[in-house]
PDB file of N, CA and C in Angstrom:
ATOM      1  N   MET A   1    -155.294-141.210 120.458  1.00  0.00           N
ATOM      2  CA  MET A   1    -155.071-141.862 121.739  1.00  0.00           C
ATOM      3  C   MET A   1    -156.223-141.500 122.681  1.00  0.00           C
ATOM      4  N   PRO A   2    -156.804-142.493 123.372  1.00  0.00           N
ATOM      5  CA  PRO A   2    -157.927-142.211 124.269  1.00  0.00           C
ATOM      6  C   PRO A   2    -157.474-141.396 125.485  1.00  0.00           C
ATOM      7  N   ASP A   3    -158.426-140.675 126.054  1.00  0.00           N
ATOM      8  CA  ASP A   3    -158.150-139.913 127.268  1.00  0.00           C
ATOM      9  C   ASP A   3    -157.814-140.872 128.402  1.00  0.00           C
ATOM     10  N   PRO A   4    -156.922-140.448 129.292  1.00  0.00           N
ATOM     11  CA  PRO A   4    -156.608-141.316 130.428  1.00  0.00           C
ATOM     12  C   PRO A   4    -157.818-141.449 131.357  1.00  0.00           C
ATOM     13  N   HIS A   5    -157.873-142.541 132.047  1.00  0.00           N
ATOM     14  CA  HIS A   5    -158.942-142.782 133.018  1.00  0.00           C
ATOM     15  C   HIS A   5    -158.868-141.690 134.092  1.00  0.00           C
ATOM     16  N   PRO A   6    -160.006-141.219 134.596  1.00  0.00           N
ATOM     17  CA  PRO A   6    -159.983-140.161 135.614  1.00  0.00           C
ATOM     18  C   PRO A   6    -159.135-140.500 136.843  1.00  0.00           C
ATOM     19  N   LEU A   7    -159.118-141.769 137.244  1.00  0.00           N
ATOM     20  CA  LEU A   7    -158.300-142.141 138.398  1.00  0.00           C
ATOM     21  C   LEU A   7    -156.813-142.080 138.070  1.00  0.00           C
ATOM     22  N   ASP A   8    -156.460-142.397 136.820  1.00  0.00           N
ATOM     23  CA  ASP A   8    -155.064-142.246 136.400  1.00  0.00           C
ATOM     24  C   ASP A   8    -154.674-140.778 136.404  1.00  0.00           C
ATOM     25  N   HIS A   9    -155.594-139.940 135.953  1.00  0.00           N
ATOM     26  CA  HIS A   9    -155.345-138.496 135.959  1.00  0.00           C
ATOM     27  C   HIS A   9    -155.153-137.996 137.390  1.00  0.00           C
ATOM     28  N   LEU A  10    -156.012-138.444 138.305  1.00  0.00           N
ATOM     29  CA  LEU A  10    -155.887-138.059 139.708  1.00  0.00           C
ATOM     30  C   LEU A  10    -154.540-138.510 140.263  1.00  0.00           C
ATOM     31  N   LYS A  11    -154.169-139.746 139.999  1.00  0.00           N
ATOM     32  CA  LYS A  11    -152.890-140.267 140.491  1.00  0.00           C
ATOM     33  C   LYS A  11    -151.736-139.420 139.983  1.00  0.00           C
ATOM     34  N   ASN A  12    -151.726-139.127 138.698  1.00  0.00           N
ATOM     35  CA  ASN A  12    -150.648-138.318 138.122  1.00  0.00           C
ATOM     36  C   ASN A  12    -150.611-136.926 138.729  1.00  0.00           C
ATOM     37  N   THR A  13    -151.787-136.350 138.936  1.00  0.00           N
ATOM     38  CA  THR A  13    -151.857-135.025 139.544  1.00  0.00           C
ATOM     39  C   THR A  13    -151.292-135.057 140.958  1.00  0.00           C
ATOM     40  N   LEU A  14    -151.681-136.056 141.740  1.00  0.00           N
ATOM     41  CA  LEU A  14    -151.197-136.156 143.116  1.00  0.00           C
ATOM     42  C   LEU A  14    -149.694-136.429 143.176  1.00  0.00           C
ATOM     43  N   VAL A  15    -149.200-137.244 142.267  1.00  0.00           N
ATOM     44  CA  VAL A  15    -147.764-137.545 142.241  1.00  0.00           C
ATOM     45  C   VAL A  15    -146.964-136.289 141.915  1.00  0.00           C
ATOM     46  N   ASN A  16    -147.476-135.461 141.021  1.00  0.00           N
ATOM     47  CA  ASN A  16    -146.701-134.334 140.507  1.00  0.00           C
ATOM     48  C   ASN A  16    -146.933-132.994 141.194  1.00  0.00           C
ATOM     49  N   SER A  17    -147.923-132.881 142.065  1.00  0.00           N
ATOM     50  CA  SER A  17    -148.241-131.574 142.644  1.00  0.00           C
ATOM     51  C   SER A  17    -148.372-131.626 144.170  1.00  0.00           C
ATOM     52  N   PRO A  18    -147.393-131.051 144.888  1.00  0.00           N
ATOM     53  CA  PRO A  18    -147.509-130.991 146.341  1.00  0.00           C
ATOM     54  C   PRO A  18    -148.758-130.231 146.799  1.00  0.00           C
ATOM     55  N   ALA A  19    -149.135-129.203 146.079  1.00  0.00           N
ATOM     56  CA  ALA A  19    -150.327-128.426 146.445  1.00  0.00           C
ATOM     57  C   ALA A  19    -151.588-129.285 146.314  1.00  0.00           C
ATOM     58  N   LYS A  20    -151.675-130.080 145.271  1.00  0.00           N
ATOM     59  CA  LYS A  20    -152.833-130.968 145.093  1.00  0.00           C
ATOM     60  C   LYS A  20    -152.857-132.051 146.164  1.00  0.00           C
ATOM     61  N   ARG A  21    -151.674-132.539 146.567  1.00  0.00           N
ATOM     62  CA  ARG A  21    -151.619-133.531 147.641  1.00  0.00           C
ATOM     63  C   ARG A  21    -152.157-132.927 148.937  1.00  0.00           C
ATOM     64  N   ALA A  22    -151.742-131.709 149.238  1.00  0.00           N
ATOM     65  CA  ALA A  22    -152.208-131.038 150.454  1.00  0.00           C
ATOM     66  C   ALA A  22    -153.716-130.823 150.404  1.00  0.00           C
ATOM     67  N   SER A  23    -154.215-130.396 149.257  1.00  0.00           N
ATOM     68  CA  SER A  23    -155.645-130.156 149.090  1.00  0.00           C
ATOM     69  C   SER A  23    -156.438-131.458 149.223  1.00  0.00           C
ATOM     70  N   PHE A  24    -155.944-132.521 148.619  1.00  0.00           N
ATOM     71  CA  PHE A  24    -156.600-133.823 148.678  1.00  0.00           C
ATOM     72  C   PHE A  24    -156.672-134.323 150.115  1.00  0.00           C
ATOM     73  N   LEU A  25    -155.556-134.213 150.842  1.00  0.00           N
ATOM     74  CA  LEU A  25    -155.521-134.659 152.227  1.00  0.00           C
ATOM     75  C   LEU A  25    -156.453-133.812 153.086  1.00  0.00           C
ATOM     76  N   ALA A  26    -156.452-132.512 152.863  1.00  0.00           N
ATOM     77  CA  ALA A  26    -157.344-131.624 153.621  1.00  0.00           C
ATOM     78  C   ALA A  26    -158.806-131.982 153.362  1.00  0.00           C
ATOM     79  N   GLY A  27    -159.151-132.281 152.125  1.00  0.00           N
ATOM     80  CA  GLY A  27    -160.514-132.672 151.788  1.00  0.00           C
ATOM     81  C   GLY A  27    -160.913-133.974 152.451  1.00  0.00           C
ATOM     82  N   THR A  28    -159.991-134.913 152.505  1.00  0.00           N
ATOM     83  CA  THR A  28    -160.255-136.196 153.143  1.00  0.00           C
ATOM     84  C   THR A  28    -160.489-136.009 154.640  1.00  0.00           C
ATOM     85  N   LEU A  29    -159.634-135.205 155.268  1.00  0.00           N
ATOM     86  CA  LEU A  29    -159.785-134.945 156.695  1.00  0.00           C
ATOM     87  C   LEU A  29    -161.085-134.206 156.986  1.00  0.00           C
ATOM     88  N   GLU A  30    -161.442-133.267 156.133  1.00  0.00           N
ATOM     89  CA  GLU A  30    -162.694-132.520 156.316  1.00  0.00           C
ATOM     90  C   GLU A  30    -163.905-133.447 156.180  1.00  0.00           C
ATOM     91  N   LEU A  31    -163.876-134.345 155.214  1.00  0.00           N
ATOM     92  CA  LEU A  31    -164.954-135.313 155.045  1.00  0.00           C
ATOM     93  C   LEU A  31    -165.125-136.158 156.312  1.00  0.00           C
ATOM     94  N   LEU A  32    -164.012-136.635 156.842  1.00  0.00           N
ATOM     95  CA  LEU A  32    -164.065-137.433 158.064  1.00  0.00           C
ATOM     96  C   LEU A  32    -164.588-136.606 159.234  1.00  0.00           C
ATOM     97  N   ARG A  33    -164.096-135.370 159.346  1.00  0.00           N
ATOM     98  CA  ARG A  33    -164.544-134.488 160.432  1.00  0.00           C
ATOM     99  C   ARG A  33    -166.058-134.280 160.350  1.00  0.00           C
ATOM    100  N   ASN A  34    -166.565-134.052 159.157  1.00  0.00           N
ATOM    101  CA  ASN A  34    -168.002-133.826 158.963  1.00  0.00           C
ATOM    102  C   ASN A  34    -168.838-135.045 159.322  1.00  0.00           C
ATOM    103  N   HIS A  35    -168.195-136.209 159.383  1.00  0.00           N
ATOM    104  CA  HIS A  35    -168.904-137.434 159.755  1.00  0.00           C
ATOM    105  C   HIS A  35    -168.585-137.863 161.187  1.00  0.00           C
ATOM    106  N   GLY A  36    -168.077-136.926 161.964  1.00  0.00           N
ATOM    107  CA  GLY A  36    -167.895-137.163 163.386  1.00  0.00           C
ATOM    108  C   GLY A  36    -166.573-137.763 163.824  1.00  0.00           C
ATOM    109  N   VAL A  37    -165.613-137.893 162.913  1.00  0.00           N
ATOM    110  CA  VAL A  37    -164.311-138.444 163.279  1.00  0.00           C
ATOM    111  C   VAL A  37    -163.435-137.303 163.813  1.00  0.00           C
ATOM    112  N   ASN A  38    -162.803-137.528 164.948  1.00  0.00           N
ATOM    113  CA  ASN A  38    -161.947-136.513 165.557  1.00  0.00           C
ATOM    114  C   ASN A  38    -160.569-136.527 164.888  1.00  0.00           C
ATOM    115  N   VAL A  39    -160.450-135.820 163.772  1.00  0.00           N
ATOM    116  CA  VAL A  39    -159.185-135.792 163.030  1.00  0.00           C
ATOM    117  C   VAL A  39    -158.162-134.864 163.664  1.00  0.00           C
ATOM    118  N   ASP A  40    -158.535-134.218 164.781  1.00  0.00           N
ATOM    119  CA  ASP A  40    -157.567-133.410 165.520  1.00  0.00           C
ATOM    120  C   ASP A  40    -156.760-134.269 166.495  1.00  0.00           C
ATOM    121  N   ASP A  41    -157.170-135.515 166.651  1.00  0.00           N
ATOM    122  CA  ASP A  41    -156.468-136.453 167.517  1.00  0.00           C
ATOM    123  C   ASP A  41    -155.408-137.184 166.683  1.00  0.00           C
ATOM    124  N   PRO A  42    -154.122-136.958 166.983  1.00  0.00           N
ATOM    125  CA  PRO A  42    -153.052-137.606 166.205  1.00  0.00           C
ATOM    126  C   PRO A  42    -153.167-139.131 166.168  1.00  0.00           C
ATOM    127  N   LYS A  43    -153.699-139.733 167.235  1.00  0.00           N
ATOM    128  CA  LYS A  43    -153.840-141.197 167.265  1.00  0.00           C
ATOM    129  C   LYS A  43    -154.880-141.668 166.243  1.00  0.00           C
ATOM    130  N   VAL A  44    -155.932-140.895 166.072  1.00  0.00           N
ATOM    131  CA  VAL A  44    -156.962-141.231 165.082  1.00  0.00           C
ATOM    132  C   VAL A  44    -156.381-141.112 163.682  1.00  0.00           C
ATOM    133  N   VAL A  45    -155.674-140.034 163.424  1.00  0.00           N
ATOM    134  CA  VAL A  45    -155.065-139.819 162.111  1.00  0.00           C
ATOM    135  C   VAL A  45    -154.071-140.933 161.803  1.00  0.00           C
ATOM    136  N   GLU A  46    -153.295-141.317 162.789  1.00  0.00           N
ATOM    137  CA  GLU A  46    -152.340-142.412 162.586  1.00  0.00           C
ATOM    138  C   GLU A  46    -153.059-143.734 162.335  1.00  0.00           C
ATOM    139  N   ARG A  47    -154.107-144.000 163.108  1.00  0.00           N
ATOM    140  CA  ARG A  47    -154.856-145.252 162.946  1.00  0.00           C
ATOM    141  C   ARG A  47    -155.460-145.365 161.549  1.00  0.00           C
ATOM    142  N   LEU A  48    -155.907-144.230 161.012  1.00  0.00           N
ATOM    143  CA  LEU A  48    -156.471-144.230 159.661  1.00  0.00           C
ATOM    144  C   LEU A  48    -155.397-144.196 158.580  1.00  0.00           C
ATOM    145  N   GLY A  49    -154.148-144.060 158.974  1.00  0.00           N
ATOM    146  CA  GLY A  49    -153.053-144.031 157.999  1.00  0.00           C
ATOM    147  C   GLY A  49    -152.993-142.736 157.227  1.00  0.00           C
ATOM    148  N   LEU A  50    -153.475-141.658 157.829  1.00  0.00           N
ATOM    149  CA  LEU A  50    -153.508-140.380 157.122  1.00  0.00           C
ATOM    150  C   LEU A  50    -152.393-139.429 157.548  1.00  0.00           C
ATOM    151  N   ASN A  51    -151.424-139.920 158.282  1.00  0.00           N
ATOM    152  CA  ASN A  51    -150.266-139.109 158.626  1.00  0.00           C
ATOM    153  C   ASN A  51    -149.232-139.264 157.500  1.00  0.00           C
ATOM    154  N   LEU A  52    -149.603-138.727 156.343  1.00  0.00           N
ATOM    155  CA  LEU A  52    -148.846-138.930 155.109  1.00  0.00           C
ATOM    156  C   LEU A  52    -147.819-137.837 154.874  1.00  0.00           C
ATOM    157  N   ASP A  53    -146.734-138.211 154.220  1.00  0.00           N
ATOM    158  CA  ASP A  53    -145.681-137.281 153.846  1.00  0.00           C
ATOM    159  C   ASP A  53    -146.056-136.609 152.530  1.00  0.00           C
ATOM    160  N   LEU A  54    -146.248-135.293 152.563  1.00  0.00           N
ATOM    161  CA  LEU A  54    -146.638-134.564 151.359  1.00  0.00           C
ATOM    162  C   LEU A  54    -145.462-134.327 150.403  1.00  0.00           C
ATOM    163  N   ALA A  55    -144.239-134.568 150.861  1.00  0.00           N
ATOM    164  CA  ALA A  55    -143.065-134.277 150.046  1.00  0.00           C
ATOM    165  C   ALA A  55    -142.818-135.296 148.932  1.00  0.00           C
ATOM    166  N   ASP A  56    -143.251-136.519 149.109  1.00  0.00           N
ATOM    167  CA  ASP A  56    -142.977-137.602 148.152  1.00  0.00           C
ATOM    168  C   ASP A  56    -144.283-138.046 147.499  1.00  0.00           C
ATOM    169  N   GLY A  57    -144.478-137.673 146.245  1.00  0.00           N
ATOM    170  CA  GLY A  57    -145.722-137.950 145.535  1.00  0.00           C
ATOM    171  C   GLY A  57    -146.061-139.421 145.422  1.00  0.00           C
ATOM    172  N   GLN A  58    -145.092-140.245 145.047  1.00  0.00           N
ATOM    173  CA  GLN A  58    -145.338-141.685 144.893  1.00  0.00           C
ATOM    174  C   GLN A  58    -145.720-142.314 146.234  1.00  0.00           C
ATOM    175  N   LYS A  59    -144.989-141.953 147.274  1.00  0.00           N
ATOM    176  CA  LYS A  59    -145.258-142.488 148.610  1.00  0.00           C
ATOM    177  C   LYS A  59    -146.635-142.024 149.099  1.00  0.00           C
ATOM    178  N   PHE A  60    -146.982-140.776 148.805  1.00  0.00           N
ATOM    179  CA  PHE A  60    -148.278-140.239 149.199  1.00  0.00           C
ATOM    180  C   PHE A  60    -149.410-141.030 148.546  1.00  0.00           C
ATOM    181  N   VAL A  61    -149.303-141.278 147.249  1.00  0.00           N
ATOM    182  CA  VAL A  61    -150.354-142.008 146.529  1.00  0.00           C
ATOM    183  C   VAL A  61    -150.492-143.421 147.083  1.00  0.00           C
ATOM    184  N   LYS A  62    -149.388-144.082 147.353  1.00  0.00           N
ATOM    185  CA  LYS A  62    -149.458-145.422 147.943  1.00  0.00           C
ATOM    186  C   LYS A  62    -150.108-145.364 149.318  1.00  0.00           C
ATOM    187  N   GLY A  63    -149.795-144.342 150.091  1.00  0.00           N
ATOM    188  CA  GLY A  63    -150.383-144.182 151.423  1.00  0.00           C
ATOM    189  C   GLY A  63    -151.869-143.909 151.369  1.00  0.00           C
ATOM    190  N   THR A  64    -152.301-143.108 150.402  1.00  0.00           N
ATOM    191  CA  THR A  64    -153.735-142.818 150.315  1.00  0.00           C
ATOM    192  C   THR A  64    -154.509-144.046 149.871  1.00  0.00           C
ATOM    193  N   THR A  65    -153.899-144.885 149.067  1.00  0.00           N
ATOM    194  CA  THR A  65    -154.563-146.120 148.659  1.00  0.00           C
ATOM    195  C   THR A  65    -154.806-147.001 149.873  1.00  0.00           C
ATOM    196  N   ALA A  66    -153.798-147.169 150.706  1.00  0.00           N
ATOM    197  CA  ALA A  66    -153.952-147.971 151.925  1.00  0.00           C
ATOM    198  C   ALA A  66    -154.943-147.310 152.867  1.00  0.00           C
ATOM    199  N   SER A  67    -154.872-145.994 153.009  1.00  0.00           N
ATOM    200  CA  SER A  67    -155.780-145.275 153.911  1.00  0.00           C
ATOM    201  C   SER A  67    -157.218-145.395 153.454  1.00  0.00           C
ATOM    202  N   THR A  68    -157.451-145.348 152.164  1.00  0.00           N
ATOM    203  CA  THR A  68    -158.807-145.456 151.633  1.00  0.00           C
ATOM    204  C   THR A  68    -159.416-146.799 152.013  1.00  0.00           C
ATOM    205  N   LEU A  69    -158.632-147.846 151.947  1.00  0.00           N
ATOM    206  CA  LEU A  69    -159.127-149.158 152.348  1.00  0.00           C
ATOM    207  C   LEU A  69    -159.469-149.184 153.824  1.00  0.00           C
ATOM    208  N   ILE A  70    -158.642-148.585 154.647  1.00  0.00           N
ATOM    209  CA  ILE A  70    -158.899-148.549 156.087  1.00  0.00           C
ATOM    210  C   ILE A  70    -160.157-147.741 156.375  1.00  0.00           C
ATOM    211  N   ILE A  71    -160.280-146.585 155.765  1.00  0.00           N
ATOM    212  CA  ILE A  71    -161.447-145.726 155.994  1.00  0.00           C
ATOM    213  C   ILE A  71    -162.718-146.445 155.557  1.00  0.00           C
ATOM    214  N   THR A  72    -162.672-147.119 154.430  1.00  0.00           N
ATOM    215  CA  THR A  72    -163.846-147.834 153.928  1.00  0.00           C
ATOM    216  C   THR A  72    -164.250-148.945 154.894  1.00  0.00           C
ATOM    217  N   ILE A  73    -163.293-149.680 155.391  1.00  0.00           N
ATOM    218  CA  ILE A  73    -163.578-150.788 156.294  1.00  0.00           C
ATOM    219  C   ILE A  73    -164.127-150.283 157.626  1.00  0.00           C
ATOM    220  N   THR A  74    -163.592-149.199 158.142  1.00  0.00           N
ATOM    221  CA  THR A  74    -164.012-148.728 159.449  1.00  0.00           C
ATOM    222  C   THR A  74    -165.260-147.867 159.397  1.00  0.00           C
ATOM    223  N   SER A  75    -165.671-147.445 158.213  1.00  0.00           N
ATOM    224  CA  SER A  75    -166.843-146.559 158.095  1.00  0.00           C
ATOM    225  C   SER A  75    -168.137-147.310 158.223  1.00  0.00           C
TER     226      SER A  75
END
């Protein structure tokens, strides 16, 4: 059986691990901060769709997919 695609692996990891979800979100926020986005402003975080619930893996992955599109468009 072939190895799963790296993005499938990432999705499975994020769905199954609250710690990985927290780390992924922290990395995303840090990337934005390093590019001048004020991620300490709750309105900015909400506008980017990054006010995600870390408790629900499936919901988190769906939220990051939508957020990635928003971040890409606004960048």
